[in-house]
Protein backbone atom coordinates (compact mmCIF):
# COMPACT_ATOMS: atom_id res chain seq x y z
CA MET A 1 -87.71 -70.14 7.42
CA PRO A 2 -84.17 -71.10 8.63
CA LEU A 3 -84.03 -71.71 12.34
CA PRO A 4 -81.34 -69.72 14.09
CA TYR A 5 -79.36 -71.35 16.82
CA VAL A 6 -79.67 -69.63 20.20
CA PRO A 7 -76.40 -69.71 22.14
CA PHE A 8 -76.86 -66.85 24.61
CA LEU A 9 -79.09 -68.37 27.22
CA ARG A 10 -76.56 -69.94 29.63
CA PRO A 11 -74.20 -66.97 29.90
CA LEU A 12 -77.11 -64.49 30.20
CA LEU A 13 -79.09 -66.33 33.02
CA GLY A 14 -76.57 -65.29 35.47
CA ALA A 15 -76.80 -61.71 34.41
CA ALA A 16 -80.54 -61.99 34.81
CA LEU A 17 -80.16 -62.35 38.59
CA ALA A 18 -78.41 -59.00 38.87
CA ALA A 19 -80.26 -55.84 39.39
CA PHE A 20 -81.48 -54.17 36.33
CA LEU A 21 -82.68 -50.79 35.00
CA THR A 22 -86.22 -50.62 33.73
CA LEU A 23 -86.43 -48.64 30.53
CA GLY A 24 -89.09 -45.88 30.13
CA ALA A 25 -91.58 -46.00 27.34
CA ALA A 26 -89.80 -46.23 23.97
CA PRO A 27 -90.67 -43.46 21.61
CA ALA A 28 -92.53 -44.33 18.52
CA PRO A 29 -90.14 -44.73 15.66
CA GLY A 30 -90.19 -42.56 12.65
CA ALA A 31 -88.16 -39.93 10.67
CA SER A 32 -88.27 -37.32 13.49
CA ALA A 33 -88.33 -39.57 16.55
CA PRO A 34 -85.27 -39.93 18.76
CA ALA A 35 -83.31 -43.02 17.51
CA THR A 36 -83.75 -46.21 19.39
CA VAL A 37 -80.41 -47.80 20.32
CA PHE A 38 -80.55 -51.62 19.94
CA TRP A 39 -78.75 -54.09 22.15
CA VAL A 40 -75.69 -56.08 20.93
CA ASP A 41 -75.57 -59.60 22.17
CA PRO A 42 -71.95 -60.19 23.33
CA HIS A 43 -72.32 -63.95 23.12
CA THR A 44 -73.25 -64.65 19.50
CA ALA A 45 -71.44 -67.18 17.27
CA ALA A 46 -69.93 -64.25 15.39
CA ALA A 47 -68.39 -62.81 18.60
CA ARG A 48 -66.94 -66.16 19.47
CA GLN A 49 -65.56 -66.60 15.85
CA ALA A 50 -63.93 -63.18 15.98
CA ALA A 51 -62.23 -63.99 19.26
CA ALA A 52 -61.04 -67.30 17.88
CA TYR A 53 -59.57 -65.62 14.82
CA ARG A 54 -57.68 -63.19 17.07
CA LYS A 55 -56.15 -66.11 19.00
CA GLN A 56 -55.05 -67.46 15.67
CA HIS A 57 -53.55 -64.25 14.65
CA ARG A 58 -56.04 -64.03 11.69
CA TRP A 59 -56.43 -60.36 12.15
CA ALA A 60 -58.10 -59.47 8.80
CA ASP A 61 -60.64 -62.31 9.21
CA ALA A 62 -61.41 -61.05 12.76
CA ARG A 63 -62.00 -57.48 11.55
CA LEU A 64 -64.43 -58.88 8.98
CA ILE A 65 -66.37 -60.99 11.49
CA ASP A 66 -66.53 -57.81 13.77
CA ARG A 67 -68.70 -56.26 11.09
CA ILE A 68 -71.31 -58.82 12.18
CA ALA A 69 -70.41 -59.23 15.86
CA THR A 70 -70.45 -55.63 16.86
CA ARG A 71 -73.98 -54.86 15.40
CA PRO A 72 -77.37 -55.52 17.02
CA GLN A 73 -79.08 -58.86 15.82
CA ALA A 74 -82.35 -60.44 16.94
CA ALA A 75 -82.53 -63.23 19.45
CA TRP A 76 -84.69 -66.17 18.27
CA LEU A 77 -86.81 -67.91 20.86
CA ASN A 78 -87.97 -71.34 19.64
CA ASN A 79 -88.25 -73.53 22.66
CA PRO A 80 -91.42 -74.36 24.55
CA ASN A 81 -90.61 -72.18 27.57
CA PRO A 82 -88.89 -69.05 26.40
CA GLY A 83 -89.58 -66.97 29.49
CA PRO A 84 -86.11 -67.37 31.12
CA ALA A 85 -84.31 -66.52 27.90
CA VAL A 86 -86.52 -63.57 27.18
CA ARG A 87 -86.03 -62.30 30.84
CA ALA A 88 -82.26 -62.78 30.53
CA VAL A 89 -81.86 -60.81 27.28
CA THR A 90 -84.20 -58.08 28.06
CA THR A 91 -82.60 -57.71 31.52
CA ALA A 92 -79.15 -57.40 29.91
CA ALA A 93 -80.38 -54.93 27.34
CA ALA A 94 -82.16 -52.85 29.96
CA ARG A 95 -78.96 -52.71 32.11
CA ALA A 96 -77.23 -51.32 29.11
CA ARG A 97 -80.03 -48.85 28.35
CA ARG A 98 -80.67 -50.61 25.08
CA THR A 99 -83.67 -52.16 23.34
CA VAL A 100 -83.58 -55.80 22.35
CA VAL A 101 -85.02 -57.34 19.19
CA LEU A 102 -86.68 -60.78 19.74
CA VAL A 103 -88.24 -63.25 17.38
CA ALA A 104 -91.16 -65.43 18.45
CA TYR A 105 -90.82 -68.70 16.38
CA HIS A 106 -92.77 -71.56 17.70
CA ILE A 107 -96.06 -71.80 15.68
CA PRO A 108 -97.41 -75.35 15.20
CA HIS A 109 -96.26 -76.94 11.92
CA ARG A 110 -93.47 -74.31 11.67
CA ASP A 111 -91.81 -73.83 8.24
CA CYS A 112 -94.31 -76.10 6.74
CA GLY A 113 -92.10 -79.05 7.56
CA ALA A 114 -89.12 -77.69 5.68
CA TYR A 115 -85.54 -76.97 7.06
CA SER A 116 -86.77 -75.33 10.27
CA SER A 117 -89.71 -77.73 10.95
CA GLY A 118 -91.02 -78.05 14.49
CA GLY A 119 -92.86 -75.72 16.71
CA ALA A 120 -95.49 -76.33 19.41
CA ARG A 121 -97.24 -79.62 19.44
CA ASP A 122 -100.74 -77.96 19.58
CA ALA A 123 -102.71 -74.82 20.14
CA ALA A 124 -102.64 -75.21 23.97
CA ALA A 125 -98.82 -75.54 23.81
CA TYR A 126 -98.48 -72.51 21.63
CA ARG A 127 -100.56 -70.41 23.98
CA ALA A 128 -98.34 -71.56 26.94
CA TYR A 129 -95.28 -70.59 24.87
CA VAL A 130 -96.69 -67.07 24.22
CA ASN A 131 -97.68 -66.62 27.93
CA SER A 132 -94.16 -67.54 29.01
CA PHE A 133 -92.72 -65.22 26.34
CA ALA A 134 -94.84 -62.32 27.65
CA ALA A 135 -94.00 -63.02 31.29
CA GLY A 136 -90.32 -62.92 30.44
CA LEU A 137 -90.75 -59.48 28.98
CA GLY A 138 -92.12 -57.97 32.10
CA SER A 139 -92.08 -54.15 31.66
CA ARG A 140 -88.69 -53.96 29.95
CA GLY A 141 -90.11 -53.98 26.49
CA ALA A 142 -88.66 -55.13 23.16
CA TYR A 143 -89.16 -55.22 19.49
CA VAL A 144 -90.88 -58.53 18.80
CA ILE A 145 -90.96 -60.07 15.37
CA LEU A 146 -93.92 -62.55 15.44
CA GLU A 147 -93.66 -65.87 13.64
CA PRO A 148 -91.69 -65.41 10.36
CA ASP A 149 -93.33 -67.07 7.38
CA ALA A 150 -96.54 -68.04 9.26
CA VAL A 151 -98.94 -65.89 7.41
CA ALA A 152 -97.32 -65.81 3.97
CA SER A 153 -96.66 -69.51 3.85
CA THR A 154 -100.35 -70.23 4.74
CA VAL A 155 -101.55 -67.86 1.98
CA ALA A 156 -99.25 -69.72 -0.48
CA GLY A 157 -100.79 -72.95 0.56
CA CYS A 158 -98.72 -74.49 3.41
CA ALA A 159 -99.75 -78.13 3.38
CA GLY A 160 -100.67 -79.45 6.84
CA ALA A 161 -101.38 -76.00 8.42
CA ASN A 162 -104.78 -75.56 10.12
CA THR A 163 -105.42 -72.15 8.59
CA ARG A 164 -108.18 -71.06 10.99
CA GLU A 165 -106.31 -72.23 14.06
CA ARG A 166 -103.01 -70.65 12.96
CA TYR A 167 -104.52 -67.19 12.40
CA ALA A 168 -106.36 -67.46 15.71
CA LEU A 169 -103.06 -68.41 17.53
CA LEU A 170 -101.13 -65.52 15.94
CA SER A 171 -104.00 -63.09 17.00
CA TYR A 172 -103.74 -64.47 20.47
CA ALA A 173 -99.92 -63.82 20.40
CA VAL A 174 -100.32 -60.28 19.11
CA HIS A 175 -102.80 -59.37 21.76
CA ARG A 176 -101.05 -61.00 24.59
CA LEU A 177 -97.63 -59.52 23.81
CA LYS A 178 -99.15 -56.03 23.34
CA ARG A 179 -100.31 -56.24 26.99
CA GLN A 180 -96.63 -55.91 28.09
CA PRO A 181 -95.50 -52.27 28.52
CA HIS A 182 -93.17 -50.79 25.97
CA THR A 183 -93.33 -53.78 23.69
CA ARG A 184 -93.72 -53.28 19.92
CA VAL A 185 -95.01 -56.21 17.88
CA TYR A 186 -94.56 -56.65 14.12
CA LEU A 187 -96.39 -59.65 12.53
CA ASP A 188 -94.33 -61.22 9.71
CA ALA A 189 -95.72 -60.76 6.29
CA GLY A 190 -93.18 -62.38 4.02
CA ASN A 191 -91.18 -60.70 1.40
CA ALA A 192 -91.81 -58.60 -1.77
CA THR A 193 -91.93 -61.54 -4.17
CA TRP A 194 -93.57 -64.25 -2.11
CA ILE A 195 -97.15 -62.94 -2.26
CA PRO A 196 -96.79 -60.04 -4.90
CA ASP A 197 -100.46 -59.02 -4.69
CA VAL A 198 -100.68 -57.47 -1.26
CA ARG A 199 -104.52 -57.66 -1.35
CA ARG A 200 -104.12 -61.47 -0.77
CA LEU A 201 -102.54 -60.79 2.65
CA VAL A 202 -105.03 -58.24 3.95
CA GLY A 203 -107.60 -60.73 5.23
CA PRO A 204 -105.13 -63.19 6.65
CA LEU A 205 -103.19 -60.49 8.40
CA ARG A 206 -106.35 -59.05 9.91
CA SER A 207 -107.49 -62.50 11.05
CA SER A 208 -104.01 -62.76 12.61
CA GLY A 209 -104.53 -59.67 14.78
CA VAL A 210 -102.45 -57.19 12.83
CA ASP A 211 -104.75 -54.39 13.73
CA ALA A 212 -103.61 -54.70 17.30
CA ALA A 213 -99.96 -54.83 16.37
CA ASP A 214 -97.55 -51.97 15.48
CA GLY A 215 -97.15 -53.22 12.04
CA VAL A 216 -95.61 -55.91 9.80
CA ALA A 217 -92.08 -57.40 9.36
CA LEU A 218 -90.88 -57.83 5.80
CA ASN A 219 -87.85 -59.60 4.16
CA VAL A 220 -87.07 -61.70 7.22
CA SER A 221 -84.08 -64.02 6.28
CA ASN A 222 -84.42 -62.92 2.64
CA TYR A 223 -82.37 -60.78 0.32
CA ARG A 224 -84.70 -58.33 -1.44
CA THR A 225 -83.38 -54.75 -1.56
CA ASN A 226 -84.42 -51.94 0.67
CA LYS A 227 -85.99 -50.14 -2.27
CA GLU A 228 -88.08 -53.07 -3.36
CA THR A 229 -89.19 -53.96 0.10
CA SER A 230 -89.98 -50.38 1.13
CA ALA A 231 -92.22 -50.10 -1.96
CA TYR A 232 -93.87 -53.23 -1.11
CA GLY A 233 -94.31 -52.30 2.48
CA HIS A 234 -96.01 -49.03 1.54
CA ARG A 235 -98.44 -50.93 -0.68
CA LEU A 236 -99.18 -53.40 1.98
CA VAL A 237 -99.86 -50.96 4.92
CA SER A 238 -101.85 -48.73 2.56
CA ALA A 239 -104.09 -51.85 1.76
CA LEU A 240 -104.45 -52.45 5.49
CA GLY A 241 -105.97 -48.95 5.78
CA GLY A 242 -105.25 -45.54 7.27
CA SER A 243 -106.57 -42.03 7.32
CA GLY A 244 -105.57 -38.64 5.92
CA GLY A 245 -103.07 -40.46 3.62
CA ALA A 246 -101.12 -41.81 6.62
CA PRO A 247 -100.77 -45.46 7.14
CA ARG A 248 -102.29 -46.85 10.34
CA LEU A 249 -99.70 -49.54 10.56
CA HIS A 250 -95.85 -49.38 9.97
CA PHE A 251 -93.32 -51.92 8.93
CA VAL A 252 -89.78 -52.94 9.61
CA ILE A 253 -87.27 -54.47 7.18
CA ASP A 254 -84.64 -57.26 7.69
CA THR A 255 -81.55 -55.85 6.11
CA SER A 256 -79.09 -58.36 7.44
CA ARG A 257 -78.02 -59.85 4.24
CA ASN A 258 -79.61 -57.77 1.45
CA GLY A 259 -76.55 -55.55 0.59
CA ASN A 260 -76.19 -57.07 -2.89
CA GLY A 261 -79.87 -57.76 -3.37
CA PRO A 262 -81.24 -61.21 -4.39
CA TRP A 263 -79.53 -63.93 -6.17
CA HIS A 264 -81.13 -64.82 -9.51
CA GLY A 265 -81.39 -68.49 -9.92
CA PRO A 266 -83.10 -71.56 -8.35
CA ASP A 267 -83.61 -71.71 -4.63
CA ALA A 268 -82.53 -67.98 -4.39
CA TRP A 269 -83.63 -67.89 -0.71
CA CYS A 270 -81.34 -70.75 0.52
CA ASN A 271 -77.53 -69.77 1.14
CA PRO A 272 -77.17 -67.96 -2.17
CA PRO A 273 -73.66 -67.03 -3.12
CA GLY A 274 -72.26 -63.52 -3.51
CA ARG A 275 -74.50 -61.80 -1.01
CA ALA A 276 -73.48 -58.92 1.38
CA LEU A 277 -74.44 -57.38 4.72
CA GLY A 278 -77.02 -54.75 4.40
CA THR A 279 -77.97 -51.49 6.14
CA PRO A 280 -76.94 -51.69 9.82
CA PRO A 281 -79.89 -51.65 12.31
CA THR A 282 -81.35 -48.25 12.93
CA THR A 283 -84.64 -46.52 13.43
CA ARG A 284 -83.40 -43.53 11.42
CA THR A 285 -84.99 -44.59 8.24
CA GLY A 286 -86.17 -41.24 6.84
CA ASP A 287 -89.56 -42.69 6.19
CA PRO A 288 -92.41 -42.25 8.76
CA ALA A 289 -94.01 -45.60 7.74
CA LEU A 290 -90.69 -47.61 8.09
CA ASP A 291 -89.94 -47.96 11.74
CA ALA A 292 -86.59 -49.57 11.57
CA TYR A 293 -83.94 -51.46 9.51
CA LEU A 294 -83.27 -54.58 11.62
CA TRP A 295 -80.85 -57.57 11.42
CA VAL A 296 -83.47 -60.25 12.15
CA LYS A 297 -81.63 -63.12 10.62
CA ARG A 298 -78.20 -63.37 12.17
CA PRO A 299 -75.64 -63.04 9.35
CA GLY A 300 -73.42 -66.07 9.07
CA GLU A 301 -76.17 -68.50 10.20
CA SER A 302 -77.12 -71.03 7.67
CA ASP A 303 -80.45 -71.12 5.81
CA GLY A 304 -80.33 -74.88 5.71
CA THR A 305 -78.45 -77.82 4.28
CA CYS A 306 -78.35 -76.36 0.73
CA ARG A 307 -75.27 -75.31 -1.24
CA GLY A 308 -72.92 -77.01 1.25
CA GLY A 309 -74.39 -75.28 4.31
CA PRO A 310 -74.88 -76.66 7.76
CA SER A 311 -78.23 -77.29 9.30
CA ALA A 312 -80.61 -74.25 9.52
CA GLY A 313 -79.47 -71.58 12.01
CA ARG A 314 -75.90 -73.08 12.54
CA TRP A 315 -72.90 -70.88 12.23
CA TRP A 316 -71.09 -70.92 8.92
CA ALA A 317 -67.77 -69.02 9.12
CA GLY A 318 -67.05 -69.13 5.41
CA ARG A 319 -70.35 -67.58 4.50
CA ALA A 320 -70.10 -65.05 7.21
CA LEU A 321 -66.72 -63.91 5.92
CA GLU A 322 -68.15 -63.65 2.37
CA LEU A 323 -71.10 -61.51 3.59
CA ALA A 324 -68.77 -59.13 5.46
CA ARG A 325 -66.19 -59.04 2.65
CA ASN A 326 -68.76 -58.13 0.04
CA ALA A 327 -69.96 -55.33 2.13
CA GLU A 328 -66.69 -53.59 2.42
CA GLY A 329 -66.41 -50.09 0.91
């Protein structure tokens, strides 16, 4: 899973010292619930790029990048002590009467040693990370996407991962984060083509604490269409159980770069050409089981050093312009 670069901490730590407004309990998402308004980080690489283009009088390019910079995107937390950053962004969001989307991304043997390798050195360090993350949330609340790829990659045979320990750590994270008021937790479950048979995910997700979560996150940093991913999500939450025909768990979809669907060719997940921005973030999905379309992966940040891209999570202006241009109209 490509590792996003997190540039917001320094400018927001000062804001965290200011007084803040504590949000009330967020209503449960759904087709008839009041829409949740997500927070827009004013310090993203996209925002800086748009400002730079304006200084250069590149007005058309600035307008294109604004299609990214002005929309809510997740903040990825991947350092050992995320509490200060979590506190900063949730405080900024609360002051604006908005809800922030966060990604917890520090599981040991992260990304199975690929482009975004790293993570906590051991189980104790990961639990400390989760505790810091939870403390940073306080009572302000957030949508938390928990550990992209961790479950699906393990089911697919992630070499070097301690399966039992990994699932136990994910379960610890779900339960610990859900203790924080107004916090919604979605355990990542891969994408529609990674583990096509959803029955293979049921046991691992349950071992990872999904029953205590609000649901699962799908298509993070991937390009599968809304239609395909929604159908997959319904199959998965149905397999995880429910009553009276209604799923007990819900799902969210990362739509940040799926506007043109997937690229058909080798390494289709890694900086594929010709993609486009997808559905803007919203909880107005028209589907009671689909809680939100989110931009979890920040558009314009690289998947890794493939197809000429910079390292995972680094800003790539050319690819950002392509995503925005292809989404026009």
